[in-house]
Amino acid sequence: MFKKITLVVLGLMPVSVFAAVDVSTEVASLTADGTAAITAIGGALIGLAGIAVVYKWAKGMLFS
């Protein structure tokens, strides 16, 4: 029963509903922007880790 209803509904839809949509430019834009953002965040995290190591080293040299 459900298959028959589905086939009837799909048969009534215009062909343009099933047309392919080209999203390649949007995907490329999001990929480039995402890569740049992830690279910036990674660089910031590595910089913060370096500052933490230098701080710990300096603290150890001064107070030990």
PDB file of N, CA and C in Angstrom:
ATOM      1  N   MET A   1       0.824  -1.190   0.000  1.00  0.00           N
ATOM      2  CA  MET A   1       0.000   0.000   0.000  1.00  0.00           C
ATOM      3  C   MET A   1       0.871   1.258   0.000  1.00  0.00           C
ATOM      4  N   PHE A   2       1.858   1.290   0.903  1.00  0.00           N
ATOM      5  CA  PHE A   2       2.722   2.461   1.009  1.00  0.00           C
ATOM      6  C   PHE A   2       3.535   2.677  -0.266  1.00  0.00           C
ATOM      7  N   LYS A   3       3.977   1.579  -0.885  1.00  0.00           N
ATOM      8  CA  LYS A   3       4.750   1.692  -2.130  1.00  0.00           C
ATOM      9  C   LYS A   3       3.901   2.289  -3.248  1.00  0.00           C
ATOM     10  N   LYS A   4       2.645   1.922  -3.292  1.00  0.00           N
ATOM     11  CA  LYS A   4       1.761   2.448  -4.333  1.00  0.00           C
ATOM     12  C   LYS A   4       1.554   3.954  -4.147  1.00  0.00           C
ATOM     13  N   ILE A   5       1.354   4.381  -2.897  1.00  0.00           N
ATOM     14  CA  ILE A   5       1.160   5.809  -2.632  1.00  0.00           C
ATOM     15  C   ILE A   5       2.421   6.585  -2.981  1.00  0.00           C
ATOM     16  N   THR A   6       3.561   6.017  -2.614  1.00  0.00           N
ATOM     17  CA  THR A   6       4.835   6.671  -2.920  1.00  0.00           C
ATOM     18  C   THR A   6       5.023   6.812  -4.428  1.00  0.00           C
ATOM     19  N   LEU A   7       4.731   5.779  -5.180  1.00  0.00           N
ATOM     20  CA  LEU A   7       4.871   5.831  -6.631  1.00  0.00           C
ATOM     21  C   LEU A   7       3.919   6.845  -7.246  1.00  0.00           C
ATOM     22  N   VAL A   8       2.721   6.952  -6.724  1.00  0.00           N
ATOM     23  CA  VAL A   8       1.764   7.927  -7.246  1.00  0.00           C
ATOM     24  C   VAL A   8       2.252   9.344  -6.968  1.00  0.00           C
ATOM     25  N   VAL A   9       2.721   9.588  -5.750  1.00  0.00           N
ATOM     26  CA  VAL A   9       3.208  10.927  -5.392  1.00  0.00           C
ATOM     27  C   VAL A   9       4.427  11.286  -6.231  1.00  0.00           C
ATOM     28  N   LEU A  10       5.365  10.368  -6.390  1.00  0.00           N
ATOM     29  CA  LEU A  10       6.549  10.624  -7.210  1.00  0.00           C
ATOM     30  C   LEU A  10       6.179  10.837  -8.671  1.00  0.00           C
ATOM     31  N   GLY A  11       5.163  10.147  -9.135  1.00  0.00           N
ATOM     32  CA  GLY A  11       4.719  10.309 -10.507  1.00  0.00           C
ATOM     33  C   GLY A  11       4.082  11.665 -10.761  1.00  0.00           C
ATOM     34  N   LEU A  12       3.525  12.288  -9.740  1.00  0.00           N
ATOM     35  CA  LEU A  12       2.878  13.582  -9.896  1.00  0.00           C
ATOM     36  C   LEU A  12       3.864  14.746  -9.829  1.00  0.00           C
ATOM     37  N   MET A  13       5.064  14.496  -9.320  1.00  0.00           N
ATOM     38  CA  MET A  13       6.054  15.568  -9.193  1.00  0.00           C
ATOM     39  C   MET A  13       6.643  15.917 -10.556  1.00  0.00           C
ATOM     40  N   PRO A  14       6.919  17.185 -10.779  1.00  0.00           N
ATOM     41  CA  PRO A  14       7.553  17.571 -12.049  1.00  0.00           C
ATOM     42  C   PRO A  14       8.990  17.071 -12.101  1.00  0.00           C
ATOM     43  N   VAL A  15       9.511  16.957 -13.293  1.00  0.00           N
ATOM     44  CA  VAL A  15      10.870  16.448 -13.493  1.00  0.00           C
ATOM     45  C   VAL A  15      11.904  17.402 -12.891  1.00  0.00           C
ATOM     46  N   SER A  16      11.597  18.695 -12.827  1.00  0.00           N
ATOM     47  CA  SER A  16      12.556  19.667 -12.314  1.00  0.00           C
ATOM     48  C   SER A  16      12.884  19.435 -10.840  1.00  0.00           C
ATOM     49  N   VAL A  17      12.031  18.738 -10.121  1.00  0.00           N
ATOM     50  CA  VAL A  17      12.299  18.431  -8.718  1.00  0.00           C
ATOM     51  C   VAL A  17      13.518  17.529  -8.609  1.00  0.00           C
ATOM     52  N   PHE A  18      13.723  16.685  -9.580  1.00  0.00           N
ATOM     53  CA  PHE A  18      14.808  15.718  -9.544  1.00  0.00           C
ATOM     54  C   PHE A  18      16.069  16.210 -10.256  1.00  0.00           C
ATOM     55  N   ALA A  19      16.101  17.470 -10.636  1.00  0.00           N
ATOM     56  CA  ALA A  19      17.254  18.008 -11.361  1.00  0.00           C
ATOM     57  C   ALA A  19      18.468  18.079 -10.438  1.00  0.00           C
ATOM     58  N   ALA A  20      19.641  17.849 -11.003  1.00  0.00           N
ATOM     59  CA  ALA A  20      20.883  17.916 -10.238  1.00  0.00           C
ATOM     60  C   ALA A  20      21.242  19.377  -9.978  1.00  0.00           C
ATOM     61  N   VAL A  21      21.800  19.634  -8.806  1.00  0.00           N
ATOM     62  CA  VAL A  21      22.204  20.980  -8.428  1.00  0.00           C
ATOM     63  C   VAL A  21      23.725  21.009  -8.363  1.00  0.00           C
ATOM     64  N   ASP A  22      24.325  21.994  -9.022  1.00  0.00           N
ATOM     65  CA  ASP A  22      25.784  22.114  -9.027  1.00  0.00           C
ATOM     66  C   ASP A  22      26.215  22.929  -7.819  1.00  0.00           C
ATOM     67  N   VAL A  23      26.892  22.287  -6.878  1.00  0.00           N
ATOM     68  CA  VAL A  23      27.363  22.961  -5.666  1.00  0.00           C
ATOM     69  C   VAL A  23      28.884  22.918  -5.557  1.00  0.00           C
ATOM     70  N   SER A  24      29.554  22.647  -6.666  1.00  0.00           N
ATOM     71  CA  SER A  24      31.004  22.480  -6.618  1.00  0.00           C
ATOM     72  C   SER A  24      31.718  23.763  -6.216  1.00  0.00           C
ATOM     73  N   THR A  25      31.233  24.925  -6.662  1.00  0.00           N
ATOM     74  CA  THR A  25      31.900  26.180  -6.291  1.00  0.00           C
ATOM     75  C   THR A  25      31.713  26.480  -4.806  1.00  0.00           C
ATOM     76  N   GLU A  26      30.527  26.197  -4.276  1.00  0.00           N
ATOM     77  CA  GLU A  26      30.292  26.426  -2.856  1.00  0.00           C
ATOM     78  C   GLU A  26      31.143  25.492  -2.002  1.00  0.00           C
ATOM     79  N   VAL A  27      31.250  24.244  -2.414  1.00  0.00           N
ATOM     80  CA  VAL A  27      32.063  23.278  -1.678  1.00  0.00           C
ATOM     81  C   VAL A  27      33.528  23.686  -1.707  1.00  0.00           C
ATOM     82  N   ALA A  28      34.016  24.130  -2.842  1.00  0.00           N
ATOM     83  CA  ALA A  28      35.410  24.572  -2.947  1.00  0.00           C
ATOM     84  C   ALA A  28      35.658  25.784  -2.061  1.00  0.00           C
ATOM     85  N   SER A  29      34.714  26.711  -2.025  1.00  0.00           N
ATOM     86  CA  SER A  29      34.850  27.904  -1.180  1.00  0.00           C
ATOM     87  C   SER A  29      34.878  27.526   0.293  1.00  0.00           C
ATOM     88  N   LEU A  30      33.969  26.656   0.708  1.00  0.00           N
ATOM     89  CA  LEU A  30      33.948  26.227   2.108  1.00  0.00           C
ATOM     90  C   LEU A  30      35.201  25.448   2.476  1.00  0.00           C
ATOM     91  N   THR A  31      35.698  24.642   1.559  1.00  0.00           N
ATOM     92  CA  THR A  31      36.914  23.876   1.824  1.00  0.00           C
ATOM     93  C   THR A  31      38.097  24.812   2.012  1.00  0.00           C
ATOM     94  N   ALA A  32      38.233  25.808   1.149  1.00  0.00           N
ATOM     95  CA  ALA A  32      39.345  26.751   1.254  1.00  0.00           C
ATOM     96  C   ALA A  32      39.241  27.567   2.538  1.00  0.00           C
ATOM     97  N   ASP A  33      38.053  28.081   2.847  1.00  0.00           N
ATOM     98  CA  ASP A  33      37.861  28.873   4.061  1.00  0.00           C
ATOM     99  C   ASP A  33      38.078  28.022   5.306  1.00  0.00           C
ATOM    100  N   GLY A  34      37.590  26.803   5.285  1.00  0.00           N
ATOM    101  CA  GLY A  34      37.759  25.900   6.430  1.00  0.00           C
ATOM    102  C   GLY A  34      39.209  25.549   6.667  1.00  0.00           C
ATOM    103  N   THR A  35      39.942  25.311   5.579  1.00  0.00           N
ATOM    104  CA  THR A  35      41.365  24.996   5.707  1.00  0.00           C
ATOM    105  C   THR A  35      42.130  26.175   6.284  1.00  0.00           C
ATOM    106  N   ALA A  36      41.803  27.373   5.841  1.00  0.00           N
ATOM    107  CA  ALA A  36      42.481  28.565   6.368  1.00  0.00           C
ATOM    108  C   ALA A  36      42.172  28.752   7.852  1.00  0.00           C
ATOM    109  N   ALA A  37      40.933  28.542   8.244  1.00  0.00           N
ATOM    110  CA  ALA A  37      40.555  28.700   9.647  1.00  0.00           C
ATOM    111  C   ALA A  37      41.228  27.660  10.527  1.00  0.00           C
ATOM    112  N   ILE A  38      41.250  26.424  10.080  1.00  0.00           N
ATOM    113  CA  ILE A  38      41.879  25.358  10.857  1.00  0.00           C
ATOM    114  C   ILE A  38      43.380  25.597  10.976  1.00  0.00           C
ATOM    115  N   THR A  39      44.010  26.077   9.918  1.00  0.00           N
ATOM    116  CA  THR A  39      45.444  26.389   9.960  1.00  0.00           C
ATOM    117  C   THR A  39      45.725  27.512  10.949  1.00  0.00           C
ATOM    118  N   ALA A  40      44.893  28.539  10.956  1.00  0.00           N
ATOM    119  CA  ALA A  40      45.076  29.657  11.889  1.00  0.00           C
ATOM    120  C   ALA A  40      44.901  29.207  13.332  1.00  0.00           C
ATOM    121  N   ILE A  41      43.897  28.406  13.590  1.00  0.00           N
ATOM    122  CA  ILE A  41      43.661  27.911  14.948  1.00  0.00           C
ATOM    123  C   ILE A  41      44.800  27.004  15.393  1.00  0.00           C
ATOM    124  N   GLY A  42      45.277  26.142  14.516  1.00  0.00           N
ATOM    125  CA  GLY A  42      46.396  25.264  14.847  1.00  0.00           C
ATOM    126  C   GLY A  42      47.652  26.058  15.166  1.00  0.00           C
ATOM    127  N   GLY A  43      47.926  27.086  14.372  1.00  0.00           N
ATOM    128  CA  GLY A  43      49.093  27.934  14.640  1.00  0.00           C
ATOM    129  C   GLY A  43      48.985  28.642  15.978  1.00  0.00           C
ATOM    130  N   ALA A  44      47.787  29.119  16.303  1.00  0.00           N
ATOM    131  CA  ALA A  44      47.579  29.787  17.592  1.00  0.00           C
ATOM    132  C   ALA A  44      47.779  28.818  18.752  1.00  0.00           C
ATOM    133  N   LEU A  45      47.287  27.603  18.622  1.00  0.00           N
ATOM    134  CA  LEU A  45      47.465  26.615  19.682  1.00  0.00           C
ATOM    135  C   LEU A  45      48.927  26.243  19.875  1.00  0.00           C
ATOM    136  N   ILE A  46      49.656  26.106  18.785  1.00  0.00           N
ATOM    137  CA  ILE A  46      51.084  25.796  18.895  1.00  0.00           C
ATOM    138  C   ILE A  46      51.826  26.964  19.539  1.00  0.00           C
ATOM    139  N   GLY A  47      51.450  28.191  19.181  1.00  0.00           N
ATOM    140  CA  GLY A  47      52.057  29.369  19.799  1.00  0.00           C
ATOM    141  C   GLY A  47      51.789  29.423  21.296  1.00  0.00           C
ATOM    142  N   LEU A  48      50.556  29.152  21.698  1.00  0.00           N
ATOM    143  CA  LEU A  48      50.218  29.139  23.121  1.00  0.00           C
ATOM    144  C   LEU A  48      50.964  28.036  23.870  1.00  0.00           C
ATOM    145  N   ALA A  49      51.114  26.896  23.252  1.00  0.00           N
ATOM    146  CA  ALA A  49      51.867  25.811  23.883  1.00  0.00           C
ATOM    147  C   ALA A  49      53.324  26.221  24.068  1.00  0.00           C
ATOM    148  N   GLY A  50      53.903  26.890  23.083  1.00  0.00           N
ATOM    149  CA  GLY A  50      55.284  27.372  23.200  1.00  0.00           C
ATOM    150  C   GLY A  50      55.427  28.388  24.324  1.00  0.00           C
ATOM    151  N   ILE A  51      54.467  29.290  24.439  1.00  0.00           N
ATOM    152  CA  ILE A  51      54.501  30.276  25.528  1.00  0.00           C
ATOM    153  C   ILE A  51      54.404  29.576  26.880  1.00  0.00           C
ATOM    154  N   ALA A  52      53.549  28.566  26.989  1.00  0.00           N
ATOM    155  CA  ALA A  52      53.411  27.832  28.243  1.00  0.00           C
ATOM    156  C   ALA A  52      54.706  27.115  28.613  1.00  0.00           C
ATOM    157  N   VAL A  53      55.393  26.550  27.643  1.00  0.00           N
ATOM    158  CA  VAL A  53      56.657  25.847  27.916  1.00  0.00           C
ATOM    159  C   VAL A  53      57.723  26.836  28.363  1.00  0.00           C
ATOM    160  N   VAL A  54      57.808  27.965  27.681  1.00  0.00           N
ATOM    161  CA  VAL A  54      58.806  28.976  28.063  1.00  0.00           C
ATOM    162  C   VAL A  54      58.495  29.513  29.452  1.00  0.00           C
ATOM    163  N   TYR A  55      57.237  29.762  29.761  1.00  0.00           N
ATOM    164  CA  TYR A  55      56.848  30.252  31.084  1.00  0.00           C
ATOM    165  C   TYR A  55      57.220  29.241  32.163  1.00  0.00           C
ATOM    166  N   LYS A  56      56.917  27.966  31.906  1.00  0.00           N
ATOM    167  CA  LYS A  56      57.240  26.923  32.883  1.00  0.00           C
ATOM    168  C   LYS A  56      58.750  26.825  33.079  1.00  0.00           C
ATOM    169  N   TRP A  57      59.504  26.929  32.003  1.00  0.00           N
ATOM    170  CA  TRP A  57      60.962  26.886  32.099  1.00  0.00           C
ATOM    171  C   TRP A  57      61.486  28.084  32.893  1.00  0.00           C
ATOM    172  N   ALA A  58      60.996  29.276  32.600  1.00  0.00           N
ATOM    173  CA  ALA A  58      61.442  30.479  33.307  1.00  0.00           C
ATOM    174  C   ALA A  58      61.065  30.415  34.784  1.00  0.00           C
ATOM    175  N   LYS A  59      59.879  29.944  35.086  1.00  0.00           N
ATOM    176  CA  LYS A  59      59.426  29.811  36.480  1.00  0.00           C
ATOM    177  C   LYS A  59      60.307  28.826  37.217  1.00  0.00           C
ATOM    178  N   GLY A  60      60.654  27.727  36.560  1.00  0.00           N
ATOM    179  CA  GLY A  60      61.529  26.736  37.177  1.00  0.00           C
ATOM    180  C   GLY A  60      62.923  27.282  37.423  1.00  0.00           C
ATOM    181  N   MET A  61      63.408  28.116  36.516  1.00  0.00           N
ATOM    182  CA  MET A  61      64.744  28.694  36.688  1.00  0.00           C
ATOM    183  C   MET A  61      64.752  29.723  37.816  1.00  0.00           C
ATOM    184  N   LEU A  62      63.702  30.474  37.995  1.00  0.00           N
ATOM    185  CA  LEU A  62      63.678  31.536  38.991  1.00  0.00           C
ATOM    186  C   LEU A  62      63.362  31.025  40.400  1.00  0.00           C
ATOM    187  N   PHE A  63      62.494  30.043  40.528  1.00  0.00           N
ATOM    188  CA  PHE A  63      62.011  29.644  41.844  1.00  0.00           C
ATOM    189  C   PHE A  63      62.517  28.290  42.325  1.00  0.00           C
ATOM    190  N   SER A  64      63.484  27.687  41.660  1.00  0.00           N
ATOM    191  CA  SER A  64      63.968  26.402  42.157  1.00  0.00           C
ATOM    192  C   SER A  64      65.382  26.451  42.639  1.00  0.00           C
TER     193      SER A  64
END
